[in-house]
C-alpha atoms as a PDB file:
ATOM      1  CA  MET A   1      99.669  84.419  93.090  1.00  0.00           C
ATOM      2  CA  PRO A   2     102.905  83.784  91.186  1.00  0.00           C
ATOM      3  CA  ASP A   3     105.824  86.160  91.568  1.00  0.00           C
ATOM      4  CA  SER A   4     106.995  86.927  88.050  1.00  0.00           C
ATOM      5  CA  ASP A   5     110.570  87.506  89.204  1.00  0.00           C
ATOM      6  CA  SER A   6     111.059  83.954  90.413  1.00  0.00           C
ATOM      7  CA  PHE A   7     111.211  81.975  87.148  1.00  0.00           C
ATOM      8  CA  ARG A   8     114.352  79.896  86.717  1.00  0.00           C
ATOM      9  CA  LYS A   9     114.708  77.652  83.684  1.00  0.00           C
ATOM     10  CA  PHE A  10     117.074  74.739  83.370  1.00  0.00           C
ATOM     11  CA  PRO A  11     117.763  72.393  80.451  1.00  0.00           C
ATOM     12  CA  PHE A  12     116.714  68.906  81.562  1.00  0.00           C
ATOM     13  CA  SER A  13     117.292  67.088  78.288  1.00  0.00           C
ATOM     14  CA  LEU A  14     116.975  67.875  74.628  1.00  0.00           C
ATOM     15  CA  GLN A  15     113.195  67.587  74.919  1.00  0.00           C
ATOM     16  CA  MET A  16     112.516  68.544  78.564  1.00  0.00           C
ATOM     17  CA  VAL A  17     112.574  71.979  80.222  1.00  0.00           C
ATOM     18  CA  LYS A  18     112.185  72.693  83.923  1.00  0.00           C
ATOM     19  CA  SER A  19     110.904  75.973  85.347  1.00  0.00           C
ATOM     20  CA  GLU A  20     110.316  77.053  88.926  1.00  0.00           C
ATOM     21  CA  VAL A  21     107.802  79.654  90.084  1.00  0.00           C
ATOM     22  CA  THR A  22     106.999  80.838  93.586  1.00  0.00           C
ATOM     23  CA  ILE A  23     103.346  81.381  94.456  1.00  0.00           C
ATOM     24  CA  CYS A  24     101.767  83.107  97.455  1.00  0.00           C
ATOM     25  CA  ASP A  25      98.324  83.958  98.807  1.00  0.00           C
ATOM     26  CA  ASP A  26      96.717  85.994 101.566  1.00  0.00           C
ATOM     27  CA  SER A  27      97.880  83.526 104.207  1.00  0.00           C
ATOM     28  CA  ASN A  28     101.214  85.392 103.853  1.00  0.00           C
ATOM     29  CA  CYS A  29     102.950  82.151 102.882  1.00  0.00           C
ATOM     30  CA  GLU A  30     104.809  81.295  99.699  1.00  0.00           C
ATOM     31  CA  ILE A  31     105.811  77.965  98.169  1.00  0.00           C
ATOM     32  CA  ARG A  32     107.803  76.851  95.130  1.00  0.00           C
ATOM     33  CA  VAL A  33     106.108  75.065  92.238  1.00  0.00           C
ATOM     34  CA  THR A  34     108.113  73.129  89.633  1.00  0.00           C
ATOM     35  CA  LEU A  35     106.758  72.993  86.078  1.00  0.00           C
ATOM     36  CA  TRP A  36     107.962  70.737  83.268  1.00  0.00           C
ATOM     37  CA  GLY A  37     107.972  70.575  79.488  1.00  0.00           C
ATOM     38  CA  ASP A  38     105.484  72.735  77.637  1.00  0.00           C
ATOM     39  CA  GLN A  39     104.134  74.170  80.881  1.00  0.00           C
ATOM     40  CA  ALA A  40     107.654  75.332  81.780  1.00  0.00           C
ATOM     41  CA  ARG A  41     108.284  76.886  78.344  1.00  0.00           C
ATOM     42  CA  LYS A  42     105.110  78.946  78.562  1.00  0.00           C
ATOM     43  CA  ALA A  43     105.467  79.878  82.245  1.00  0.00           C
ATOM     44  CA  GLU A  44     107.149  83.275  81.914  1.00  0.00           C
ATOM     45  CA  ASP A  45     104.673  84.578  79.336  1.00  0.00           C
ATOM     46  CA  LYS A  46     101.693  82.870  80.956  1.00  0.00           C
ATOM     47  CA  PHE A  47     102.315  84.366  84.392  1.00  0.00           C
ATOM     48  CA  GLN A  48     103.382  87.816  83.187  1.00  0.00           C
ATOM     49  CA  GLY A  49     101.902  90.534  85.394  1.00  0.00           C
ATOM     50  CA  ASN A  50     101.324  88.330  88.457  1.00  0.00           C
ATOM     51  CA  PRO A  51      97.834  86.991  87.679  1.00  0.00           C
ATOM     52  CA  VAL A  52      95.803  84.792  89.998  1.00  0.00           C
ATOM     53  CA  VAL A  53      96.427  81.156  89.049  1.00  0.00           C
ATOM     54  CA  ALA A  54      94.499  78.012  89.998  1.00  0.00           C
ATOM     55  CA  PHE A  55      96.523  74.773  90.103  1.00  0.00           C
ATOM     56  CA  LYS A  56      94.994  71.289  90.196  1.00  0.00           C
ATOM     57  CA  LYS A  57      96.608  67.891  90.779  1.00  0.00           C
ATOM     58  CA  LEU A  58     100.015  69.043  91.998  1.00  0.00           C
ATOM     59  CA  SER A  59     102.199  66.614  93.918  1.00  0.00           C
ATOM     60  CA  VAL A  60     103.621  67.603  97.328  1.00  0.00           C
ATOM     61  CA  SER A  61     107.229  66.946  98.272  1.00  0.00           C
ATOM     62  CA  ASP A  62     109.207  67.459 101.492  1.00  0.00           C
ATOM     63  CA  PHE A  63     112.421  68.047  99.527  1.00  0.00           C
ATOM     64  CA  GLY A  64     113.737  71.552 100.215  1.00  0.00           C
ATOM     65  CA  GLY A  65     111.007  72.185 102.746  1.00  0.00           C
ATOM     66  CA  LYS A  66     107.533  71.847 101.268  1.00  0.00           C
ATOM     67  CA  THR A  67     107.458  72.074  97.476  1.00  0.00           C
ATOM     68  CA  LEU A  68     104.891  71.417  94.763  1.00  0.00           C
ATOM     69  CA  SER A  69     105.390  69.834  91.360  1.00  0.00           C
ATOM     70  CA  ALA A  70     103.157  69.696  88.302  1.00  0.00           C
ATOM     71  CA  SER A  71     102.801  66.671  86.059  1.00  0.00           C
ATOM     72  CA  PHE A  72     101.262  66.182  82.636  1.00  0.00           C
ATOM     73  CA  SER A  73      97.930  65.474  84.338  1.00  0.00           C
ATOM     74  CA  SER A  74      98.023  68.774  86.262  1.00  0.00           C
ATOM     75  CA  SER A  75      95.846  71.648  85.131  1.00  0.00           C
ATOM     76  CA  ILE A  76      96.684  75.365  85.350  1.00  0.00           C
ATOM     77  CA  VAL A  77      94.039  78.051  84.927  1.00  0.00           C
ATOM     78  CA  VAL A  78      95.112  81.696  84.760  1.00  0.00           C
ATOM     79  CA  SER A  79      92.646  84.282  86.116  1.00  0.00           C
ATOM     80  CA  PRO A  80      89.833  81.819  86.912  1.00  0.00           C
ATOM     81  CA  LYS A  81      86.358  83.348  86.937  1.00  0.00           C
ATOM     82  CA  ILE A  82      85.569  82.682  90.579  1.00  0.00           C
ATOM     83  CA  LYS A  83      84.936  84.934  93.577  1.00  0.00           C
ATOM     84  CA  GLU A  84      88.037  83.766  95.439  1.00  0.00           C
ATOM     85  CA  ALA A  85      90.263  84.802  92.525  1.00  0.00           C
ATOM     86  CA  GLN A  86      88.820  88.323  92.525  1.00  0.00           C
ATOM     87  CA  GLU A  87      89.388  88.630  96.275  1.00  0.00           C
ATOM     88  CA  LEU A  88      92.961  87.382  95.973  1.00  0.00           C
ATOM     89  CA  ALA A  89      93.723  89.801  93.133  1.00  0.00           C
ATOM     90  CA  SER A  90      92.366  92.682  95.206  1.00  0.00           C
ATOM     91  CA  TRP A  91      94.478  91.635  98.192  1.00  0.00           C
ATOM     92  CA  TYR A  92      97.615  91.532  96.043  1.00  0.00           C
ATOM     93  CA  GLU A  93      96.947  94.936  94.475  1.00  0.00           C
ATOM     94  CA  HIS A  94      96.175  96.594  97.815  1.00  0.00           C
ATOM     95  CA  GLY A  95      99.369  95.737  99.655  1.00  0.00           C
ATOM     96  CA  GLY A  96      99.660  91.967  99.432  1.00  0.00           C
ATOM     97  CA  ASN A  97     102.583  92.277  97.026  1.00  0.00           C
ATOM     98  CA  ASN A  98     104.510  94.155  99.730  1.00  0.00           C
ATOM     99  CA  GLN A  99     103.848  91.720 102.569  1.00  0.00           C
ATOM    100  CA  THR A 100     106.647  89.709 104.122  1.00  0.00           C
ATOM    101  CA  MET A 101     106.024  86.091 103.188  1.00  0.00           C
ATOM    102  CA  LYS A 102     106.798  82.979 105.192  1.00  0.00           C
ATOM    103  CA  GLY A 103     108.644  80.624 102.884  1.00  0.00           C
ATOM    104  CA  LEU A 104     107.417  77.030 103.035  1.00  0.00           C
ATOM    105  CA  SER A 105     110.202  75.993 100.654  1.00  0.00           C
ATOM    106  CA  SER A 106     113.694  76.324 102.088  1.00  0.00           C
ATOM    107  CA  MET A 107     115.138  77.540  98.803  1.00  0.00           C
ATOM    108  CA  GLY A 108     113.864  79.627  95.937  1.00  0.00           C
ATOM    109  CA  GLY A 109     112.885  83.193  95.255  1.00  0.00           C
ATOM    110  CA  GLY A 110     109.477  84.745  94.961  1.00  0.00           C
ATOM    111  CA  GLY A 111     108.180  87.437  97.248  1.00  0.00           C
ATOM    112  CA  GLY A 112     111.293  87.043  99.389  1.00  0.00           C
ATOM    113  CA  GLY A 113     113.780  87.160  96.538  1.00  0.00           C
ATOM    114  CA  SER A 114     116.713  84.757  96.424  1.00  0.00           C
ATOM    115  CA  ARG A 115     117.815  82.784  99.453  1.00  0.00           C
ATOM    116  CA  ASP A 116     120.285  84.755 101.576  1.00  0.00           C
ATOM    117  CA  THR A 117     123.722  83.218 101.787  1.00  0.00           C
ATOM    118  CA  PHE A 118     126.995  84.822 102.751  1.00  0.00           C
ATOM    119  CA  GLU A 119     128.238  84.345  99.173  1.00  0.00           C
ATOM    120  CA  SER A 120     125.139  85.903  97.601  1.00  0.00           C
ATOM    121  CA  ARG A 121     125.361  89.204  99.457  1.00  0.00           C
ATOM    122  CA  LYS A 122     126.055  92.446  97.724  1.00  0.00           C
ATOM    123  CA  TYR A 123     126.830  95.979  98.870  1.00  0.00           C
ATOM    124  CA  VAL A 124     124.319  98.811  99.190  1.00  0.00           C
ATOM    125  CA  SER A 125     126.264 100.539  96.404  1.00  0.00           C
ATOM    126  CA  SER A 126     125.300  97.634  94.096  1.00  0.00           C
ATOM    127  CA  ILE A 127     121.801  99.115  93.805  1.00  0.00           C
ATOM    128  CA  LYS A 128     123.286 101.996  91.815  1.00  0.00           C
ATOM    129  CA  ASP A 129     126.369 100.315  90.368  1.00  0.00           C
ATOM    130  CA  ASP A 130     124.419  97.354  88.958  1.00  0.00           C
ATOM    131  CA  GLN A 131     121.492  99.540  87.819  1.00  0.00           C
ATOM    132  CA  LEU A 132     119.032  97.472  89.829  1.00  0.00           C
ATOM    133  CA  GLY A 133     115.333  98.159  89.408  1.00  0.00           C
ATOM    134  CA  TYR A 134     115.394  99.191  85.760  1.00  0.00           C
ATOM    135  CA  ASN A 135     114.475  95.808  84.309  1.00  0.00           C
ATOM    136  CA  GLU A 136     110.960  94.791  83.369  1.00  0.00           C
ATOM    137  CA  LYS A 137     110.728  92.762  86.566  1.00  0.00           C
ATOM    138  CA  PRO A 138     111.842  93.852  90.057  1.00  0.00           C
ATOM    139  CA  ASP A 139     115.373  93.052  91.157  1.00  0.00           C
ATOM    140  CA  TRP A 140     116.262  91.538  94.532  1.00  0.00           C
ATOM    141  CA  ILE A 141     119.311  92.176  96.661  1.00  0.00           C
ATOM    142  CA  ASN A 142     120.662  90.602  99.861  1.00  0.00           C
ATOM    143  CA  PHE A 143     122.994  92.763 101.931  1.00  0.00           C
ATOM    144  CA  LYS A 144     124.361  93.389 105.413  1.00  0.00           C
ATOM    145  CA  THR A 145     123.597  96.891 106.605  1.00  0.00           C
ATOM    146  CA  THR A 146     123.337  99.371 109.460  1.00  0.00           C
ATOM    147  CA  ILE A 147     120.179 101.439 109.961  1.00  0.00           C
ATOM    148  CA  ASN A 148     121.231 105.032 110.513  1.00  0.00           C
ATOM    149  CA  PHE A 149     118.017 107.078 110.155  1.00  0.00           C
ATOM    150  CA  ILE A 150     114.265 106.502 110.473  1.00  0.00           C
ATOM    151  CA  LYS A 151     111.809 109.183 109.383  1.00  0.00           C
ATOM    152  CA  THR A 152     109.326 109.717 112.236  1.00  0.00           C
ATOM    153  CA  ASP A 153     107.833 113.120 111.406  1.00  0.00           C
ATOM    154  CA  LYS A 154     105.529 111.937 108.631  1.00  0.00           C
ATOM    155  CA  GLU A 155     102.184 113.737 108.795  1.00  0.00           C
ATOM    156  CA  GLY A 156      99.739 111.494 110.625  1.00  0.00           C
ATOM    157  CA  GLY A 157     102.543 109.217 111.819  1.00  0.00           C
ATOM    158  CA  PRO A 158     104.717 106.504 110.202  1.00  0.00           C
ATOM    159  CA  TRP A 159     101.739 104.188 109.715  1.00  0.00           C
ATOM    160  CA  TYR A 160      98.420 103.866 107.929  1.00  0.00           C
ATOM    161  CA  PRO A 161      94.962 103.014 109.328  1.00  0.00           C
ATOM    162  CA  ALA A 162      93.811  99.486 108.461  1.00  0.00           C
ATOM    163  CA  CYS A 163      90.512  97.653 108.837  1.00  0.00           C
ATOM    164  CA  ILE A 164      90.074  95.822 112.172  1.00  0.00           C
ATOM    165  CA  ASN A 165      88.353  92.890 110.435  1.00  0.00           C
ATOM    166  CA  LYS A 166      90.577  89.848 111.122  1.00  0.00           C
ATOM    167  CA  ASN A 167      88.765  87.660 108.595  1.00  0.00           C
ATOM    168  CA  ASP A 168      88.654  87.593 104.804  1.00  0.00           C
ATOM    169  CA  PRO A 169      88.914  89.651 102.751  1.00  0.00           C
ATOM    170  CA  CYS A 170      90.681  92.269 104.900  1.00  0.00           C
ATOM    171  CA  LYS A 171      92.680  90.379 107.524  1.00  0.00           C
ATOM    172  CA  GLN A 172      93.555  93.729 109.153  1.00  0.00           C
ATOM    173  CA  ARG A 173      95.576  94.868 106.137  1.00  0.00           C
ATOM    174  CA  CYS A 174      93.266  96.969 103.956  1.00  0.00           C
ATOM    175  CA  LYS A 175      93.399 100.719 104.337  1.00  0.00           C
ATOM    176  CA  VAL A 176      90.331 102.443 105.806  1.00  0.00           C
ATOM    177  CA  THR A 177      89.049 105.989 105.425  1.00  0.00           C
ATOM    178  CA  GLU A 178      87.962 108.198 108.298  1.00  0.00           C
ATOM    179  CA  THR A 179      84.379 109.423 107.972  1.00  0.00           C
ATOM    180  CA  GLY A 180      83.004 112.771 109.070  1.00  0.00           C
ATOM    181  CA  ASP A 181      81.594 111.307 112.291  1.00  0.00           C
ATOM    182  CA  GLY A 182      84.943 109.898 113.434  1.00  0.00           C
ATOM    183  CA  ASN A 183      84.362 106.323 112.296  1.00  0.00           C
ATOM    184  CA  TRP A 184      86.469 104.292 109.887  1.00  0.00           C
ATOM    185  CA  MET A 185      85.068 102.838 106.675  1.00  0.00           C
ATOM    186  CA  CYS A 186      86.577  99.933 104.729  1.00  0.00           C
ATOM    187  CA  ASP A 187      85.825  99.850 101.007  1.00  0.00           C
ATOM    188  CA  ARG A 188      87.020  96.236 100.838  1.00  0.00           C
ATOM    189  CA  CYS A 189      84.575  94.601 103.240  1.00  0.00           C
ATOM    190  CA  GLY A 190      82.076  97.471 103.482  1.00  0.00           C
ATOM    191  CA  GLN A 191      82.205  97.613 107.275  1.00  0.00           C
ATOM    192  CA  THR A 192      82.304 100.777 109.370  1.00  0.00           C
ATOM    193  CA  SER A 193      83.874 100.824 112.831  1.00  0.00           C
ATOM    194  CA  ASN A 194      84.812 103.339 115.489  1.00  0.00           C
ATOM    195  CA  GLU A 195      88.294 101.790 115.581  1.00  0.00           C
ATOM    196  CA  CYS A 196      91.120 101.003 113.184  1.00  0.00           C
ATOM    197  CA  LYS A 197      94.365  99.050 113.380  1.00  0.00           C
ATOM    198  CA  ARG A 198      97.468 101.037 112.532  1.00  0.00           C
ATOM    199  CA  ARG A 199     100.159  99.342 110.468  1.00  0.00           C
ATOM    200  CA  TYR A 200     103.673 100.648 109.958  1.00  0.00           C
ATOM    201  CA  ILE A 201     104.981 102.022 106.694  1.00  0.00           C
ATOM    202  CA  LEU A 202     108.462 103.265 107.558  1.00  0.00           C
ATOM    203  CA  SER A 203     110.936 105.256 105.496  1.00  0.00           C
ATOM    204  CA  LEU A 204     114.536 104.815 106.593  1.00  0.00           C
ATOM    205  CA  THR A 205     118.110 104.937 105.402  1.00  0.00           C
ATOM    206  CA  ALA A 206     120.509 102.025 105.701  1.00  0.00           C
ATOM    207  CA  MET A 207     124.218 102.003 104.917  1.00  0.00           C
ATOM    208  CA  ASP A 208     127.357  99.939 104.708  1.00  0.00           C
ATOM    209  CA  ASN A 209     130.978 100.855 104.020  1.00  0.00           C
ATOM    210  CA  THR A 210     130.178 101.580 100.350  1.00  0.00           C
ATOM    211  CA  SER A 211     127.012 103.670 100.275  1.00  0.00           C
ATOM    212  CA  MET A 212     123.680 104.651 101.820  1.00  0.00           C
ATOM    213  CA  SER A 213     120.173 104.330 100.394  1.00  0.00           C
ATOM    214  CA  TRP A 214     116.519 104.940 101.270  1.00  0.00           C
ATOM    215  CA  PHE A 215     114.286 101.934 101.972  1.00  0.00           C
ATOM    216  CA  SER A 216     110.606 101.382 102.739  1.00  0.00           C
ATOM    217  CA  MET A 217     109.562  98.912 105.418  1.00  0.00           C
ATOM    218  CA  PHE A 218     106.061  97.579 106.032  1.00  0.00           C
ATOM    219  CA  ASP A 219     104.434  96.403 109.227  1.00  0.00           C
ATOM    220  CA  GLU A 220     105.892  92.896 109.653  1.00  0.00           C
ATOM    221  CA  CYS A 221     109.512  93.976 109.227  1.00  0.00           C
ATOM    222  CA  ALA A 222     108.959  97.267 111.104  1.00  0.00           C
ATOM    223  CA  THR A 223     107.521  95.432 114.106  1.00  0.00           C
ATOM    224  CA  GLN A 224     110.463  93.034 113.987  1.00  0.00           C
ATOM    225  CA  LEU A 225     112.802  96.024 114.010  1.00  0.00           C
ATOM    226  CA  LEU A 226     111.096  97.998 116.781  1.00  0.00           C
ATOM    227  CA  GLY A 227     109.889  95.067 118.876  1.00  0.00           C
ATOM    228  CA  GLU A 228     106.529  93.330 119.261  1.00  0.00           C
ATOM    229  CA  GLN A 229     105.743  95.525 122.251  1.00  0.00           C
ATOM    230  CA  ASN A 230     106.077  98.633 120.093  1.00  0.00           C
ATOM    231  CA  SER A 231     103.253  98.120 117.614  1.00  0.00           C
ATOM    232  CA  ALA A 232     102.001 101.040 115.563  1.00  0.00           C
ATOM    233  CA  ASP A 233      98.906 101.195 117.777  1.00  0.00           C
ATOM    234  CA  GLU A 234     101.069 101.452 120.906  1.00  0.00           C
ATOM    235  CA  LEU A 235     103.157 104.252 119.436  1.00  0.00           C
ATOM    236  CA  TYR A 236     100.002 106.054 118.339  1.00  0.00           C
ATOM    237  CA  LYS A 237      98.870 105.995 121.974  1.00  0.00           C
ATOM    238  CA  MET A 238     102.183 107.577 123.001  1.00  0.00           C
ATOM    239  CA  ILE A 239     101.562 110.451 120.604  1.00  0.00           C
ATOM    240  CA  GLU A 240      97.972 110.842 121.823  1.00  0.00           C
ATOM    241  CA  GLN A 241      99.217 110.975 125.405  1.00  0.00           C
ATOM    242  CA  GLY A 242     101.843 113.570 124.503  1.00  0.00           C
ATOM    243  CA  ASP A 243     104.745 111.241 125.372  1.00  0.00           C
ATOM    244  CA  GLN A 244     106.968 112.431 122.523  1.00  0.00           C
ATOM    245  CA  ASP A 245     110.230 111.533 124.276  1.00  0.00           C
ATOM    246  CA  ARG A 246     109.186 107.915 124.723  1.00  0.00           C
ATOM    247  CA  PHE A 247     107.995 107.814 121.114  1.00  0.00           C
ATOM    248  CA  GLU A 248     111.349 109.071 119.815  1.00  0.00           C
ATOM    249  CA  ALA A 249     113.259 106.699 122.101  1.00  0.00           C
ATOM    250  CA  VAL A 250     111.667 103.649 120.446  1.00  0.00           C
ATOM    251  CA  PHE A 251     113.258 104.637 117.141  1.00  0.00           C
ATOM    252  CA  SER A 252     116.563 105.936 118.496  1.00  0.00           C
ATOM    253  CA  ASP A 253     117.117 102.653 120.374  1.00  0.00           C
ATOM    254  CA  VAL A 254     117.350 100.714 117.092  1.00  0.00           C
ATOM    255  CA  LEU A 255     119.558 103.183 115.225  1.00  0.00           C
ATOM    256  CA  PHE A 256     122.943 101.754 114.220  1.00  0.00           C
ATOM    257  CA  SER A 257     121.726  98.197 114.711  1.00  0.00           C
ATOM    258  CA  GLU A 258     123.026  95.737 112.098  1.00  0.00           C
ATOM    259  CA  TRP A 259     120.812  93.506 109.974  1.00  0.00           C
ATOM    260  CA  ILE A 260     120.912  91.095 107.059  1.00  0.00           C
ATOM    261  CA  MET A 261     118.190  92.313 104.695  1.00  0.00           C
ATOM    262  CA  THR A 262     116.545  91.209 101.472  1.00  0.00           C
ATOM    263  CA  ALA A 263     115.013  94.050  99.494  1.00  0.00           C
ATOM    264  CA  MET A 264     113.026  94.417  96.281  1.00  0.00           C
ATOM    265  CA  VAL A 265     114.234  97.179  93.962  1.00  0.00           C
ATOM    266  CA  LYS A 266     111.918  98.600  91.312  1.00  0.00           C
ATOM    267  CA  ASN A 267     111.826 101.802  89.294  1.00  0.00           C
ATOM    268  CA  GLU A 268     108.283 103.197  89.518  1.00  0.00           C
ATOM    269  CA  GLN A 269     106.472 106.198  88.120  1.00  0.00           C
ATOM    270  CA  VAL A 270     105.146 108.503  90.855  1.00  0.00           C
ATOM    271  CA  ASN A 271     103.335 111.693  89.829  1.00  0.00           C
ATOM    272  CA  ASP A 272     104.914 111.631  86.345  1.00  0.00           C
ATOM    273  CA  GLU A 273     108.315 111.114  87.950  1.00  0.00           C
ATOM    274  CA  GLN A 274     110.522 108.021  87.831  1.00  0.00           C
ATOM    275  CA  ARG A 275     111.638 106.928  91.292  1.00  0.00           C
ATOM    276  CA  LEU A 276     113.671 103.974  92.449  1.00  0.00           C
ATOM    277  CA  LYS A 277     111.764 102.192  95.219  1.00  0.00           C
ATOM    278  CA  CYS A 278     113.609  99.819  97.556  1.00  0.00           C
ATOM    279  CA  THR A 279     111.365  97.782  99.855  1.00  0.00           C
ATOM    280  CA  VAL A 280     112.685  95.578 102.662  1.00  0.00           C
ATOM    281  CA  ASN A 281     110.987  92.203 102.358  1.00  0.00           C
ATOM    282  CA  ARG A 282     112.890  90.113 104.898  1.00  0.00           C
ATOM    283  CA  MET A 283     115.437  90.797 107.637  1.00  0.00           C
ATOM    284  CA  THR A 284     117.361  89.039 110.389  1.00  0.00           C
ATOM    285  CA  LYS A 285     119.550  90.429 113.148  1.00  0.00           C
ATOM    286  CA  VAL A 286     123.256  89.951 112.520  1.00  0.00           C
ATOM    287  CA  ASP A 287     124.624  86.873 114.286  1.00  0.00           C
ATOM    288  CA  TYR A 288     128.210  87.953 114.997  1.00  0.00           C
ATOM    289  CA  GLN A 289     129.411  84.439 115.773  1.00  0.00           C
ATOM    290  CA  GLU A 290     128.074  83.157 112.449  1.00  0.00           C
ATOM    291  CA  GLU A 291     129.458  86.192 110.622  1.00  0.00           C
ATOM    292  CA  SER A 292     132.909  85.538 112.070  1.00  0.00           C
ATOM    293  CA  LYS A 293     132.808  81.919 110.861  1.00  0.00           C
ATOM    294  CA  ASN A 294     131.760  83.047 107.368  1.00  0.00           C
ATOM    295  CA  LEU A 295     134.525  85.645 107.198  1.00  0.00           C
ATOM    296  CA  LEU A 296     137.191  83.167 108.323  1.00  0.00           C
ATOM    297  CA  SER A 297     135.977  80.669 105.733  1.00  0.00           C
ATOM    298  CA  ALA A 298     136.102  83.332 102.993  1.00  0.00           C
ATOM    299  CA  ILE A 299     139.652  84.310 104.002  1.00  0.00           C
ATOM    300  CA  GLN A 300     140.773  80.674 103.953  1.00  0.00           C
ATOM    301  CA  ASN A 301     139.254  80.177 100.490  1.00  0.00           C
ATOM    302  CA  ILE A 302     141.081  83.235  99.162  1.00  0.00           C
ATOM    303  CA  ALA A 303     144.366  82.112 100.733  1.00  0.00           C
ATOM    304  CA  ALA A 304     143.994  78.677  99.165  1.00  0.00           C
ATOM    305  CA  GLN A 305     143.653  80.078  95.641  1.00  0.00           C
END
């Protein structure tokens, strides 16, 4: 599915226009596609609303990682009437749009926003100062931050129950409902099981020297933060066993850790109320040696001006 926030148009000549769009699917991977000419001119309107798109006869390049490029012989079909398209649309609507994507192209936006560089970073205060999230499309922001609070007292726990089906169409991501007999039913694949897989949905605050803001974090980033050994299922077991101290320690151990994050910012309507939603899409632990090099380089550039 194309991410409607990732279009970038460039004049190529008086007659030619180039446009780039990032697409993703339920493999949790994304890749950049380059369009040309009339296809590029129509791209933003054609892909409005993140529809399912079928591409045919694209060329593959190793430039900038793996990238795809359309030609005049390529065909593009929006919302194709096939079963796979319906399944992909359902995946995207039921949490796929919030998944952390593995970028196959080394540059470009899409589900992960713009590529993080030292020069591209902003402050947490930029979310408010730059009025991010109030455009028609989501805004993206890269920033260095410190996590200072994680909400752990959410009713039912900081997670949601997901289907245990590892195959299509669920892939252990779709939410399941507990039945009266203690089983779990998945509306997506129609299966009922006596088990579920819990996936994180954290609410936390992160800050820098300018401001503090609330962020949401889904399972991939949350597991990266807390550690692979501290899955949502493992922490659920701690609660079931009454080991509250150990449960709290998992979260307190990561407080005041520093990260480089990429977040999507979007103003959404919730219960007739407008709320600014900031969702962490990608994160890496701060490399202090690399940070020091970047800071020294920035100081030298300023001194040379």
